[in-house]
C-alpha cells in the first residue's frame, strides 16, 4: 500500500497522488479541510487537523510527503517509511 501525506489543503494536486492508495491531507484550518472535502470525493482521501512541527501520524506511516518545505525536518523523517 502506497500512502502519501499532503501538508496543507492547498497542496493537494490530483496528479501528485496518481497511483497512491491512501492520501492523508493535514491542515491547521478546519475550514480549509471542509472546503477540500466538498470538492474531493475520493475514498482514498483522509482529512486531519495538523501541521509541523508535530504531525498526528505514527512513525514510518507514509511513503512520501507533499507540500513540505522543510525537507530535512526531523518530524518528516519520523513519519516516512
C-alpha atoms as a PDB file:
ATOM      1  CA  UNK A   1       0.000   0.000   0.000  1.00  0.00           C
ATOM      2  CA  UNK A   2       1.390   3.362  -1.032  1.00  0.00           C
ATOM      3  CA  UNK A   3       0.464   6.163   1.379  1.00  0.00           C
ATOM      4  CA  UNK A   4       1.199   9.886   0.956  1.00  0.00           C
ATOM      5  CA  UNK A   5       0.806  12.765   3.415  1.00  0.00           C
ATOM      6  CA  UNK A   6      -0.053  16.183   1.978  1.00  0.00           C
ATOM      7  CA  UNK A   7       0.838  19.135   4.177  1.00  0.00           C
ATOM      8  CA  UNK A   8      -1.717  21.833   3.524  1.00  0.00           C
ATOM      9  CA  UNK A   9      -5.065  21.585   1.759  1.00  0.00           C
ATOM     10  CA  UNK A  10      -3.772  23.980  -0.915  1.00  0.00           C
ATOM     11  CA  UNK A  11      -1.005  21.493  -1.811  1.00  0.00           C
ATOM     12  CA  UNK A  12      -3.459  18.802  -2.967  1.00  0.00           C
ATOM     13  CA  UNK A  13      -2.808  18.029  -6.622  1.00  0.00           C
ATOM     14  CA  UNK A  14      -4.574  15.047  -8.227  1.00  0.00           C
ATOM     15  CA  UNK A  15      -1.545  14.388 -10.476  1.00  0.00           C
ATOM     16  CA  UNK A  16       0.807  14.097  -7.498  1.00  0.00           C
ATOM     17  CA  UNK A  17      -1.315  11.425  -5.865  1.00  0.00           C
ATOM     18  CA  UNK A  18      -1.979   9.392  -9.012  1.00  0.00           C
ATOM     19  CA  UNK A  19      -1.278   5.737  -8.250  1.00  0.00           C
ATOM     20  CA  UNK A  20      -1.465   6.260  -4.477  1.00  0.00           C
ATOM     21  CA  UNK A  21      -3.657   4.018  -2.301  1.00  0.00           C
ATOM     22  CA  UNK A  22      -4.187   6.492   0.552  1.00  0.00           C
ATOM     23  CA  UNK A  23      -3.787  10.271   0.798  1.00  0.00           C
ATOM     24  CA  UNK A  24      -3.718  11.948   4.215  1.00  0.00           C
ATOM     25  CA  UNK A  25      -4.284  15.696   3.985  1.00  0.00           C
ATOM     26  CA  UNK A  26      -3.130  17.666   7.024  1.00  0.00           C
ATOM     27  CA  UNK A  27      -4.050  21.308   7.550  1.00  0.00           C
ATOM     28  CA  UNK A  28      -4.404  23.505  10.660  1.00  0.00           C
ATOM     29  CA  UNK A  29      -7.641  25.050   9.339  1.00  0.00           C
ATOM     30  CA  UNK A  30     -10.936  23.172   9.746  1.00  0.00           C
ATOM     31  CA  UNK A  31     -12.434  25.472   7.092  1.00  0.00           C
ATOM     32  CA  UNK A  32      -9.768  24.597   4.525  1.00  0.00           C
ATOM     33  CA  UNK A  33     -10.282  20.878   5.167  1.00  0.00           C
ATOM     34  CA  UNK A  34     -14.077  21.178   4.888  1.00  0.00           C
ATOM     35  CA  UNK A  35     -13.752  23.103   1.622  1.00  0.00           C
ATOM     36  CA  UNK A  36     -11.434  20.456   0.209  1.00  0.00           C
ATOM     37  CA  UNK A  37     -13.716  17.669   1.424  1.00  0.00           C
ATOM     38  CA  UNK A  38     -16.604  19.251  -0.503  1.00  0.00           C
ATOM     39  CA  UNK A  39     -14.521  19.260  -3.716  1.00  0.00           C
ATOM     40  CA  UNK A  40     -12.696  15.946  -3.440  1.00  0.00           C
ATOM     41  CA  UNK A  41     -14.997  12.951  -3.497  1.00  0.00           C
ATOM     42  CA  UNK A  42     -12.428  10.179  -3.382  1.00  0.00           C
ATOM     43  CA  UNK A  43     -12.446   7.391  -0.791  1.00  0.00           C
ATOM     44  CA  UNK A  44      -8.627   7.328  -0.800  1.00  0.00           C
ATOM     45  CA  UNK A  45      -8.502  10.701   0.987  1.00  0.00           C
ATOM     46  CA  UNK A  46      -8.448  11.230   4.759  1.00  0.00           C
ATOM     47  CA  UNK A  47      -8.506  14.710   6.308  1.00  0.00           C
ATOM     48  CA  UNK A  48      -6.759  15.562   9.598  1.00  0.00           C
ATOM     49  CA  UNK A  49      -6.119  18.712  11.576  1.00  0.00           C
ATOM     50  CA  UNK A  50      -2.375  19.127  11.918  1.00  0.00           C
ATOM     51  CA  UNK A  51       0.783  20.893  10.846  1.00  0.00           C
ATOM     52  CA  UNK A  52       4.504  20.987  11.520  1.00  0.00           C
ATOM     53  CA  UNK A  53       6.297  20.876  13.929  1.00  0.00           C
ATOM     54  CA  UNK A  54       4.211  17.942  15.243  1.00  0.00           C
ATOM     55  CA  UNK A  55       2.154  15.784  12.866  1.00  0.00           C
ATOM     56  CA  UNK A  56      -0.593  13.461  14.193  1.00  0.00           C
ATOM     57  CA  UNK A  57       0.727  10.395  12.363  1.00  0.00           C
ATOM     58  CA  UNK A  58       2.515   7.256  13.574  1.00  0.00           C
ATOM     59  CA  UNK A  59       6.207   6.626  12.964  1.00  0.00           C
ATOM     60  CA  UNK A  60       7.078   5.290   9.481  1.00  0.00           C
ATOM     61  CA  UNK A  61       3.476   5.706   8.298  1.00  0.00           C
ATOM     62  CA  UNK A  62       3.833   7.320   4.841  1.00  0.00           C
ATOM     63  CA  UNK A  63       5.900   6.684   1.744  1.00  0.00           C
ATOM     64  CA  UNK A  64       6.161  10.334   0.763  1.00  0.00           C
ATOM     65  CA  UNK A  65       5.270  13.853   1.912  1.00  0.00           C
ATOM     66  CA  UNK A  66       3.929  16.514  -0.477  1.00  0.00           C
ATOM     67  CA  UNK A  67       3.956  20.217   0.292  1.00  0.00           C
ATOM     68  CA  UNK A  68       6.822  20.049   2.767  1.00  0.00           C
ATOM     69  CA  UNK A  69       9.329  22.876   2.570  1.00  0.00           C
ATOM     70  CA  UNK A  70      11.454  21.630   5.448  1.00  0.00           C
ATOM     71  CA  UNK A  71      12.773  18.517   3.712  1.00  0.00           C
ATOM     72  CA  UNK A  72      15.289  17.851   6.481  1.00  0.00           C
ATOM     73  CA  UNK A  73      12.726  18.312   9.269  1.00  0.00           C
ATOM     74  CA  UNK A  74      13.027  15.502  11.845  1.00  0.00           C
ATOM     75  CA  UNK A  75       9.237  15.190  12.044  1.00  0.00           C
ATOM     76  CA  UNK A  76       9.067  14.427   8.319  1.00  0.00           C
ATOM     77  CA  UNK A  77      11.811  11.833   8.721  1.00  0.00           C
ATOM     78  CA  UNK A  78       9.849  10.288  11.613  1.00  0.00           C
ATOM     79  CA  UNK A  79       6.641   9.758   9.627  1.00  0.00           C
ATOM     80  CA  UNK A  80       8.344   8.499   6.432  1.00  0.00           C
ATOM     81  CA  UNK A  81       8.975   4.786   5.898  1.00  0.00           C
END
